[in-house]
Amino acid sequence: MSAVAAMRLPEQVDLSGFINLLQRLQMPHRVAEEAGEQVLWVPDEHLAEQVRALYALHPHGDTNLELQPLADEQRALPGFFQQLRASLMTATVLLLTFVVAAITLLGDNLAAISWLSFVDYRVQGDYIYFSYLNDTLHSGQWWRLLTPMLIHFGILHLAMNTLWYWELGRRIEGRQGPLMLLLLTLLFSLAANFAQYLHAGPSLFGGLSGVLYGLLGHCWIFQRLAPSPAYRLPPGVLVMMLAWLLICMTGIFELLQFGAIANAAHVGGLLAGCLTGLLGGLWTRRRYA
C-alpha cells in the first residue's frame, strides 16, 4: 500500500505541537521537506482523512485532548451499512460461513461436512473412519487444507466466532486492505488446521477460532511495533482471549463433557499471527521511521 501525503504546508508553519499530538495518539506518520514545503505522510488515505480532520480542529496540538483512536468529536459513528460497504471482504467470509452453517445444519449433516473436513471420512453405524492426509491430498482434494474454518458445531460456536471475526477482520481490512485480510485468513486457517492435525491426528474439527487467534496475534504484535488506531484493541480483550486459551488447554471442558476443543489450532493460529504481525510491524516502522 503506497504512502499518502495527508498535508502540504509552508516551511514556516510550526508543526511541533501537532506532531506531538499525533505521537500521543499513536498515529503512524513521517514529515519530510520537499521543495520548500513540509509534507506529512501517512500509510493510507483513511488515516490521511483523520489527520486532516484532526489538524482542522487542533492545528497547534491540544494537551488536554483525551487519548482515543479518533479525535473528531463532530463525526457521527458510521452505521451498519456503511461499515458493511467498508468491510466487504470481512462480510464475504462471514456470508460464506453462514451458508456452510446452513448446509451442514451446524454440524448435524455429516455427509455435507465430509466434503469440507481436513481429511475425508466415512460413517459406518456408530463409528467414523478417517482417511490420512496423504490419501486425501493424493486424490486432489486440496481445498480441505482451508475449508475446516467454515465448519461450525452449534449456534453458540457460530455466533461467537463470527462476531469476533467481524470485529478483528474489519480492523485489518480497514488498515491493510481486503486482499491482505483474505491472505491472512487463508494463512491462519492453514496453520491452525495443520497444527491440529499434527497434534491430534485424523479427526473432525472446524471453526474460525484458529483464524481468530491469528488475527488477534497479528493486531497485537503489529500494534506494539507500529502503533495504529485501527489495531488498538479495547482494554482487556487480549488478556481475556489469552486467558480463555489457557483455560481451554487445561482440558476442563472435555472433563465436563462440553465437547472437545481444538486447542492446537488456536495455538497454531496465534503463533502464525504473531509472526505476520512481527514482519508487518517491522516493515511499517522501518518504512515510516
Protein backbone atom coordinates (compact mmCIF):
# COMPACT_ATOMS: atom_id res chain seq x y z
CA MET A 1 0.00 0.00 0.00
CA SER A 2 1.53 3.39 -1.03
CA ALA A 3 2.07 6.24 1.41
CA VAL A 4 -0.31 9.19 1.13
CA ALA A 5 0.54 12.88 1.55
CA ALA A 6 -2.03 13.97 4.13
CA MET A 7 -0.99 17.64 4.14
CA ARG A 8 1.45 20.03 2.46
CA LEU A 9 2.26 23.15 4.47
CA PRO A 10 4.77 26.03 4.12
CA GLU A 11 8.13 25.66 5.86
CA GLN A 12 7.38 28.45 8.32
CA VAL A 13 4.35 26.66 9.81
CA ASP A 14 5.21 25.25 13.24
CA LEU A 15 4.05 21.64 13.26
CA SER A 16 5.75 20.63 16.50
CA GLY A 17 2.58 20.75 18.63
CA PHE A 18 0.54 18.86 16.06
CA ILE A 19 3.25 16.21 15.58
CA ASN A 20 3.36 15.76 19.35
CA LEU A 21 -0.40 15.19 19.27
CA LEU A 22 -0.08 12.55 16.53
CA GLN A 23 2.57 10.78 18.60
CA ARG A 24 0.33 10.81 21.67
CA LEU A 25 -2.49 9.33 19.60
CA GLN A 26 -0.04 6.75 18.17
CA MET A 27 -0.93 7.57 14.57
CA PRO A 28 1.86 6.43 12.18
CA HIS A 29 3.34 9.30 10.19
CA ARG A 30 6.52 10.97 8.96
CA VAL A 31 7.35 14.55 7.97
CA ALA A 32 9.61 15.44 5.04
CA GLU A 33 10.73 18.74 3.49
CA GLU A 34 10.14 18.89 -0.24
CA ALA A 35 10.53 21.95 -2.49
CA GLY A 36 10.08 24.42 0.35
CA GLU A 37 7.11 22.61 1.89
CA GLN A 38 6.54 20.35 4.86
CA VAL A 39 4.83 17.15 3.71
CA LEU A 40 3.08 14.97 6.27
CA TRP A 41 2.98 11.36 5.05
CA VAL A 42 0.72 8.60 6.44
CA PRO A 43 0.20 4.95 5.39
CA ASP A 44 -3.20 5.27 3.68
CA GLU A 45 -6.00 7.61 2.63
CA HIS A 46 -8.22 6.60 5.55
CA LEU A 47 -5.59 7.86 8.02
CA ALA A 48 -4.97 10.92 5.85
CA GLU A 49 -8.62 11.96 6.24
CA GLN A 50 -8.36 11.53 10.01
CA VAL A 51 -5.16 13.60 10.15
CA ARG A 52 -6.67 16.43 8.08
CA ALA A 53 -9.79 16.49 10.26
CA LEU A 54 -7.64 16.48 13.39
CA TYR A 55 -5.48 19.35 12.09
CA ALA A 56 -8.59 21.41 11.33
CA LEU A 57 -9.62 21.07 14.99
CA HIS A 58 -6.19 21.20 16.68
CA PRO A 59 -3.53 22.75 14.38
CA HIS A 60 -1.25 23.51 17.34
CA GLY A 61 -1.98 20.33 19.23
CA ASP A 62 -4.01 20.12 22.41
CA THR A 63 -2.51 18.92 25.67
CA ASN A 64 -6.00 18.46 27.12
CA LEU A 65 -7.25 16.24 24.28
CA GLU A 66 -8.42 12.84 25.51
CA LEU A 67 -6.42 9.98 24.05
CA GLN A 68 -8.72 7.96 21.80
CA PRO A 69 -8.47 6.48 18.29
CA LEU A 70 -10.48 9.20 16.59
CA ALA A 71 -10.35 12.80 17.76
CA ASP A 72 -13.07 14.12 15.52
CA GLU A 73 -15.85 14.66 18.05
CA GLN A 74 -18.17 16.02 15.44
CA ARG A 75 -18.16 12.94 13.23
CA ALA A 76 -21.02 10.52 13.86
CA LEU A 77 -20.26 6.84 14.18
CA PRO A 78 -20.81 5.02 10.88
CA GLY A 79 -23.99 2.98 10.55
CA PHE A 80 -24.09 -0.76 9.94
CA PHE A 81 -24.45 -0.49 6.15
CA GLN A 82 -21.59 2.00 5.97
CA GLN A 83 -19.43 -0.44 7.91
CA LEU A 84 -20.56 -3.23 5.61
CA ARG A 85 -19.55 -1.32 2.48
CA ALA A 86 -16.17 -0.57 4.04
CA SER A 87 -15.63 -4.21 5.04
CA LEU A 88 -16.74 -6.23 2.02
CA MET A 89 -14.08 -8.94 2.41
CA THR A 90 -14.95 -9.43 6.07
CA ALA A 91 -18.63 -9.65 5.16
CA THR A 92 -17.92 -12.08 2.30
CA VAL A 93 -16.08 -14.52 4.58
CA LEU A 94 -18.91 -14.33 7.10
CA LEU A 95 -21.56 -14.84 4.43
CA LEU A 96 -19.77 -17.96 3.20
CA THR A 97 -19.53 -19.18 6.80
CA PHE A 98 -23.29 -18.74 7.30
CA VAL A 99 -24.06 -20.56 4.04
CA VAL A 100 -21.90 -23.52 5.09
CA ALA A 101 -23.52 -23.50 8.54
CA ALA A 102 -26.93 -23.79 6.89
CA ILE A 103 -25.84 -26.58 4.51
CA THR A 104 -24.15 -28.59 7.26
CA LEU A 105 -27.01 -27.98 9.73
CA LEU A 106 -24.47 -26.65 12.25
CA GLY A 107 -22.65 -29.96 12.40
CA ASP A 108 -25.56 -32.39 12.15
CA ASN A 109 -25.19 -33.12 8.44
CA LEU A 110 -22.12 -35.38 8.47
CA ALA A 111 -22.46 -36.14 4.77
CA ALA A 112 -22.05 -32.44 3.88
CA ILE A 113 -19.27 -31.91 6.43
CA SER A 114 -17.30 -34.80 4.91
CA TRP A 115 -16.66 -32.61 1.84
CA LEU A 116 -15.15 -29.81 3.96
CA SER A 117 -13.29 -31.62 6.74
CA PHE A 118 -9.48 -31.62 6.84
CA VAL A 119 -9.39 -35.30 5.87
CA ASP A 120 -12.09 -37.41 4.28
CA TYR A 121 -14.06 -39.93 6.33
CA ARG A 122 -16.88 -42.41 6.09
CA VAL A 123 -19.56 -43.24 8.62
CA GLN A 124 -20.49 -46.84 9.34
CA GLY A 125 -23.05 -47.32 12.05
CA ASP A 126 -21.89 -45.54 15.17
CA TYR A 127 -18.28 -45.22 14.01
CA ILE A 128 -16.38 -42.71 11.83
CA TYR A 129 -13.40 -43.98 9.85
CA PHE A 130 -10.95 -41.24 8.84
CA SER A 131 -8.54 -41.19 5.94
CA TYR A 132 -4.98 -39.89 6.32
CA LEU A 133 -3.83 -36.57 4.91
CA ASN A 134 -1.59 -38.16 2.27
CA ASP A 135 -4.51 -40.13 0.87
CA THR A 136 -6.71 -37.03 0.82
CA LEU A 137 -4.13 -34.89 -0.98
CA HIS A 138 -3.25 -37.63 -3.47
CA SER A 139 -6.88 -37.60 -4.55
CA GLY A 140 -6.56 -33.89 -5.39
CA GLN A 141 -8.78 -32.57 -2.59
CA TRP A 142 -6.54 -29.63 -1.71
CA TRP A 143 -9.42 -27.41 -0.62
CA ARG A 144 -9.61 -29.42 2.60
CA LEU A 145 -6.49 -27.65 3.86
CA LEU A 146 -8.61 -24.48 4.29
CA THR A 147 -12.30 -25.36 4.47
CA PRO A 148 -12.46 -26.58 8.10
CA MET A 149 -12.60 -22.91 9.14
CA LEU A 150 -16.12 -22.77 7.64
CA ILE A 151 -17.47 -25.69 9.70
CA HIS A 152 -19.23 -24.88 12.98
CA PHE A 153 -20.85 -27.11 15.55
CA GLY A 154 -23.83 -25.40 17.17
CA ILE A 155 -25.26 -21.90 17.16
CA LEU A 156 -23.10 -20.65 20.04
CA HIS A 157 -19.93 -21.79 18.29
CA LEU A 158 -21.02 -19.97 15.13
CA ALA A 159 -22.16 -16.80 16.91
CA MET A 160 -19.01 -16.31 18.96
CA ASN A 161 -16.63 -16.94 16.07
CA THR A 162 -18.44 -14.75 13.55
CA LEU A 163 -18.79 -11.85 15.99
CA TRP A 164 -15.07 -11.86 16.71
CA TYR A 165 -14.20 -12.21 13.03
CA TRP A 166 -16.37 -9.17 12.29
CA GLU A 167 -14.54 -7.20 15.00
CA LEU A 168 -10.98 -8.19 14.09
CA GLY A 169 -11.42 -8.65 10.34
CA ARG A 170 -12.76 -5.11 9.85
CA ARG A 171 -9.72 -3.67 11.61
CA ILE A 172 -7.27 -5.45 9.32
CA GLU A 173 -9.31 -4.78 6.18
CA GLY A 174 -9.50 -1.08 7.04
CA ARG A 175 -5.80 -0.80 7.89
CA GLN A 176 -4.15 -3.14 5.35
CA GLY A 177 -6.85 -3.73 2.73
CA PRO A 178 -9.20 -6.58 1.72
CA LEU A 179 -6.56 -8.63 -0.12
CA MET A 180 -4.33 -8.70 2.95
CA LEU A 181 -7.25 -9.79 5.13
CA LEU A 182 -8.03 -12.63 2.70
CA LEU A 183 -4.39 -13.76 2.57
CA LEU A 184 -4.06 -13.67 6.36
CA THR A 185 -7.33 -15.55 6.82
CA LEU A 186 -6.20 -18.34 4.49
CA LEU A 187 -2.72 -18.45 6.02
CA PHE A 188 -4.04 -18.67 9.59
CA SER A 189 -6.57 -21.31 8.58
CA LEU A 190 -3.79 -23.39 7.04
CA ALA A 191 -1.54 -23.01 10.09
CA ALA A 192 -4.34 -23.80 12.54
CA ASN A 193 -5.55 -26.86 10.62
CA PHE A 194 -2.08 -28.35 10.22
CA ALA A 195 -1.30 -27.73 13.90
CA GLN A 196 -4.47 -29.53 14.96
CA TYR A 197 -3.85 -32.44 12.59
CA LEU A 198 -0.24 -32.85 13.75
CA HIS A 199 -1.37 -32.76 17.38
CA ALA A 200 -4.46 -34.97 17.26
CA GLY A 201 -4.10 -36.93 14.02
CA PRO A 202 -7.09 -37.64 11.74
CA SER A 203 -10.16 -36.21 13.47
CA LEU A 204 -13.15 -33.96 12.91
CA PHE A 205 -12.58 -30.33 13.82
CA GLY A 206 -13.60 -26.94 12.49
CA GLY A 207 -14.41 -23.31 13.15
CA LEU A 208 -12.97 -19.85 12.68
CA SER A 209 -11.36 -19.75 16.11
CA GLY A 210 -7.88 -20.69 14.86
CA VAL A 211 -8.13 -17.85 12.35
CA LEU A 212 -9.37 -15.51 15.10
CA TYR A 213 -6.33 -16.18 17.26
CA GLY A 214 -4.20 -15.48 14.20
CA LEU A 215 -5.92 -12.13 13.63
CA LEU A 216 -5.55 -11.34 17.32
CA GLY A 217 -1.82 -12.13 17.31
CA HIS A 218 -1.34 -10.08 14.14
CA CYS A 219 -3.05 -6.99 15.60
CA TRP A 220 -1.26 -7.40 18.95
CA ILE A 221 2.32 -7.57 17.65
CA PHE A 222 1.75 -5.13 14.77
CA GLN A 223 0.37 -2.55 17.21
CA ARG A 224 3.36 -2.85 19.51
CA LEU A 225 5.83 -2.26 16.67
CA ALA A 226 3.89 0.24 14.52
CA PRO A 227 1.07 1.76 16.62
CA SER A 228 -2.15 2.43 14.73
CA PRO A 229 -5.63 3.43 15.96
CA ALA A 230 -7.12 0.57 13.92
CA TYR A 231 -5.18 -2.07 15.87
CA ARG A 232 -5.68 -0.59 19.33
CA LEU A 233 -7.92 -3.24 20.89
CA PRO A 234 -10.34 -2.44 23.72
CA PRO A 235 -8.77 -2.83 27.18
CA GLY A 236 -8.83 -6.38 28.47
CA VAL A 237 -9.59 -8.08 25.13
CA LEU A 238 -6.11 -9.51 24.69
CA VAL A 239 -5.91 -10.70 28.30
CA MET A 240 -9.37 -12.27 28.07
CA MET A 241 -8.60 -14.12 24.82
CA LEU A 242 -5.26 -15.45 26.06
CA ALA A 243 -6.79 -16.44 29.39
CA TRP A 244 -9.56 -18.30 27.54
CA LEU A 245 -6.92 -20.14 25.51
CA LEU A 246 -5.09 -21.24 28.67
CA ILE A 247 -8.33 -22.34 30.35
CA CYS A 248 -9.28 -24.43 27.31
CA MET A 249 -5.85 -26.04 27.30
CA THR A 250 -6.41 -27.38 30.83
CA GLY A 251 -8.97 -29.83 29.44
CA ILE A 252 -11.69 -28.67 31.81
CA PHE A 253 -14.34 -28.55 29.09
CA GLU A 254 -13.64 -32.11 27.97
CA LEU A 255 -13.76 -33.19 31.62
CA LEU A 256 -17.18 -31.56 32.00
CA GLN A 257 -18.27 -33.22 28.73
CA PHE A 258 -18.90 -29.91 26.94
CA GLY A 259 -17.14 -31.25 23.86
CA ALA A 260 -13.57 -31.31 22.58
CA ILE A 261 -11.79 -28.03 21.79
CA ALA A 262 -9.15 -27.76 19.07
CA ASN A 263 -6.52 -26.13 21.28
CA ALA A 264 -3.66 -26.90 18.90
CA ALA A 265 -5.50 -24.99 16.15
CA HIS A 266 -5.78 -21.97 18.45
CA VAL A 267 -2.08 -22.07 19.31
CA GLY A 268 -1.07 -22.61 15.67
CA GLY A 269 -3.18 -19.67 14.53
CA LEU A 270 -1.86 -17.43 17.31
CA LEU A 271 1.79 -18.20 16.53
CA ALA A 272 1.24 -17.60 12.81
CA GLY A 273 -0.49 -14.28 13.61
CA CYS A 274 2.33 -13.15 15.88
CA LEU A 275 4.79 -13.90 13.08
CA THR A 276 2.87 -11.90 10.45
CA GLY A 277 2.37 -9.06 12.95
CA LEU A 278 6.10 -9.04 13.64
CA LEU A 279 7.01 -8.92 9.95
CA GLY A 280 4.33 -6.37 9.06
CA GLY A 281 5.06 -4.17 12.07
CA LEU A 282 8.81 -4.12 11.44
CA TRP A 283 8.30 -3.32 7.77
CA THR A 284 5.85 -0.49 8.54
CA ARG A 285 8.02 1.01 11.29
CA ARG A 286 11.05 0.97 9.05
CA ARG A 287 9.09 2.50 6.18
CA TYR A 288 7.73 5.41 8.21
CA ALA A 289 10.64 5.91 10.56
